[in-house]
Amino acid sequence: RLAADQGDARAQACLGQCYHQGEGPPEDHVKAVHYYRLAADQGDAGGQHGYAQCLDFGRGVPRDDNKAVRYYRLAADQGYAPAQCNLAQSYLHGDGGLPEDHDEGVRYHRLAADQN
């Protein structure tokens, strides 16, 4: 928590995940959003992905599919596999203002799979 409060983006993303999942501190989606957003604003892919998930499912913040897709893309473009999977699903279903695009969905799934 000290590192997160001192501005360390990776620590902020990790603390956001702790609050999001109730690992350590009690589950608190509002605090999760706070720490994810701090990390996301510094370009941390884990923070961007966590913030996108909160937006996508309306946890601790009003649901906003369009904004969720923007943050999934930021993390996916950094090679963050979980975000690539989420972005793939958004293309496959036409979520978040994206056109339904099977080819793009498959492409993002392959990008994620190729990392394993």
Protein backbone atom coordinates (compact mmCIF):
# COMPACT_ATOMS: atom_id res chain seq x y z
CA ARG A 1 0.00 0.00 0.00
CA LEU A 2 2.86 2.38 0.77
CA ALA A 3 4.31 2.02 -2.73
CA ALA A 4 0.85 2.51 -4.26
CA ASP A 5 0.27 5.64 -2.20
CA GLN A 6 3.69 6.92 -3.31
CA GLY A 7 2.65 6.64 -6.95
CA ASP A 8 4.10 3.29 -8.06
CA ALA A 9 1.83 2.26 -10.95
CA ARG A 10 2.46 -1.49 -10.64
CA ALA A 11 1.71 -1.36 -6.91
CA GLN A 12 -1.46 0.64 -7.61
CA ALA A 13 -2.65 -1.99 -10.10
CA CYS A 14 -1.89 -4.78 -7.63
CA LEU A 15 -3.69 -3.00 -4.81
CA GLY A 16 -6.63 -2.39 -7.13
CA GLN A 17 -6.77 -6.12 -7.80
CA CYS A 18 -6.63 -6.86 -4.07
CA TYR A 19 -9.63 -4.62 -3.46
CA HIS A 20 -11.42 -5.92 -6.56
CA GLN A 21 -11.14 -9.55 -5.46
CA GLY A 22 -11.08 -9.11 -1.69
CA GLU A 23 -7.57 -10.58 -1.42
CA GLY A 24 -6.15 -9.14 1.79
CA PRO A 25 -8.38 -6.13 2.32
CA PRO A 26 -12.15 -6.63 2.16
CA GLU A 27 -13.67 -6.43 -1.32
CA ASP A 28 -14.31 -2.78 -2.20
CA HIS A 29 -14.95 -1.99 -5.84
CA VAL A 30 -14.86 1.78 -5.35
CA LYS A 31 -11.32 1.54 -3.93
CA ALA A 32 -10.41 -0.93 -6.68
CA VAL A 33 -11.48 1.60 -9.31
CA HIS A 34 -9.48 4.33 -7.56
CA TYR A 35 -6.23 2.36 -7.62
CA TYR A 36 -6.78 0.85 -11.07
CA ARG A 37 -7.43 4.31 -12.50
CA LEU A 38 -4.27 5.74 -10.92
CA ALA A 39 -2.24 2.93 -12.49
CA ALA A 40 -4.08 3.18 -15.81
CA ASP A 41 -3.39 6.91 -16.05
CA GLN A 42 0.33 6.11 -15.78
CA GLY A 43 0.09 3.62 -18.65
CA ASP A 44 0.17 0.41 -16.59
CA ALA A 45 -1.44 -2.38 -18.65
CA GLY A 46 -2.68 -4.25 -15.57
CA GLY A 47 -4.29 -1.08 -14.27
CA GLN A 48 -5.86 -0.36 -17.64
CA HIS A 49 -7.26 -3.87 -17.84
CA GLY A 50 -8.59 -3.79 -14.26
CA TYR A 51 -10.21 -0.42 -14.81
CA ALA A 52 -11.74 -1.68 -18.07
CA GLN A 53 -13.23 -4.68 -16.27
CA CYS A 54 -14.80 -2.42 -13.65
CA LEU A 55 -16.29 -0.28 -16.42
CA ASP A 56 -17.39 -3.33 -18.38
CA PHE A 57 -19.33 -4.84 -15.47
CA GLY A 58 -20.27 -1.69 -13.56
CA ARG A 59 -18.26 -2.54 -10.45
CA GLY A 60 -17.49 0.55 -8.39
CA VAL A 61 -18.26 2.80 -11.34
CA PRO A 62 -21.23 3.18 -13.70
CA ARG A 63 -21.14 0.67 -16.54
CA ASP A 64 -19.63 2.14 -19.72
CA ASP A 65 -18.93 -0.34 -22.53
CA ASN A 66 -17.35 2.24 -24.83
CA LYS A 67 -14.89 3.41 -22.22
CA ALA A 68 -14.17 -0.20 -21.21
CA VAL A 69 -13.19 -1.03 -24.80
CA ARG A 70 -10.87 1.99 -24.93
CA TYR A 71 -9.03 0.79 -21.83
CA TYR A 72 -8.97 -2.84 -23.01
CA ARG A 73 -7.36 -1.59 -26.22
CA LEU A 74 -4.73 0.44 -24.35
CA ALA A 75 -3.69 -2.65 -22.41
CA ALA A 76 -4.02 -4.99 -25.41
CA ASP A 77 -1.77 -2.75 -27.49
CA GLN A 78 0.91 -3.24 -24.84
CA GLY A 79 0.65 -7.00 -25.34
CA TYR A 80 -1.37 -7.69 -22.18
CA ALA A 81 -2.98 -11.07 -22.97
CA PRO A 82 -6.05 -10.82 -20.67
CA ALA A 83 -6.98 -7.50 -22.31
CA GLN A 84 -6.44 -8.99 -25.76
CA CYS A 85 -8.96 -11.70 -24.86
CA ASN A 86 -11.49 -9.15 -23.61
CA LEU A 87 -11.02 -7.01 -26.71
CA ALA A 88 -11.45 -10.10 -28.88
CA GLN A 89 -14.78 -10.81 -27.18
CA SER A 90 -15.85 -7.21 -27.72
CA TYR A 91 -15.18 -7.57 -31.46
CA LEU A 92 -16.91 -10.94 -31.65
CA HIS A 93 -20.07 -9.53 -30.02
CA GLY A 94 -19.93 -5.94 -31.30
CA ASP A 95 -19.68 -4.50 -27.79
CA GLY A 96 -18.50 -1.06 -26.73
CA GLY A 97 -19.24 0.66 -29.99
CA LEU A 98 -17.12 -1.78 -32.00
CA PRO A 99 -18.49 -3.32 -35.15
CA GLU A 100 -19.08 -7.05 -34.93
CA ASP A 101 -15.90 -8.33 -36.58
CA HIS A 102 -15.10 -12.03 -36.40
CA ASP A 103 -11.67 -11.61 -38.05
CA GLU A 104 -10.54 -8.99 -35.53
CA GLY A 105 -11.87 -11.07 -32.67
CA VAL A 106 -9.91 -14.10 -33.84
CA ARG A 107 -6.80 -11.96 -34.41
CA TYR A 108 -6.83 -10.67 -30.83
CA HIS A 109 -7.44 -14.16 -29.45
CA ARG A 110 -4.44 -15.39 -31.45
CA LEU A 111 -2.26 -12.57 -30.16
CA ALA A 112 -3.11 -13.61 -26.62
CA ALA A 113 -2.66 -17.32 -27.32
CA ASP A 114 0.72 -16.80 -28.99
CA GLN A 115 2.10 -15.48 -25.70
CA ASN A 116 1.71 -18.85 -24.00
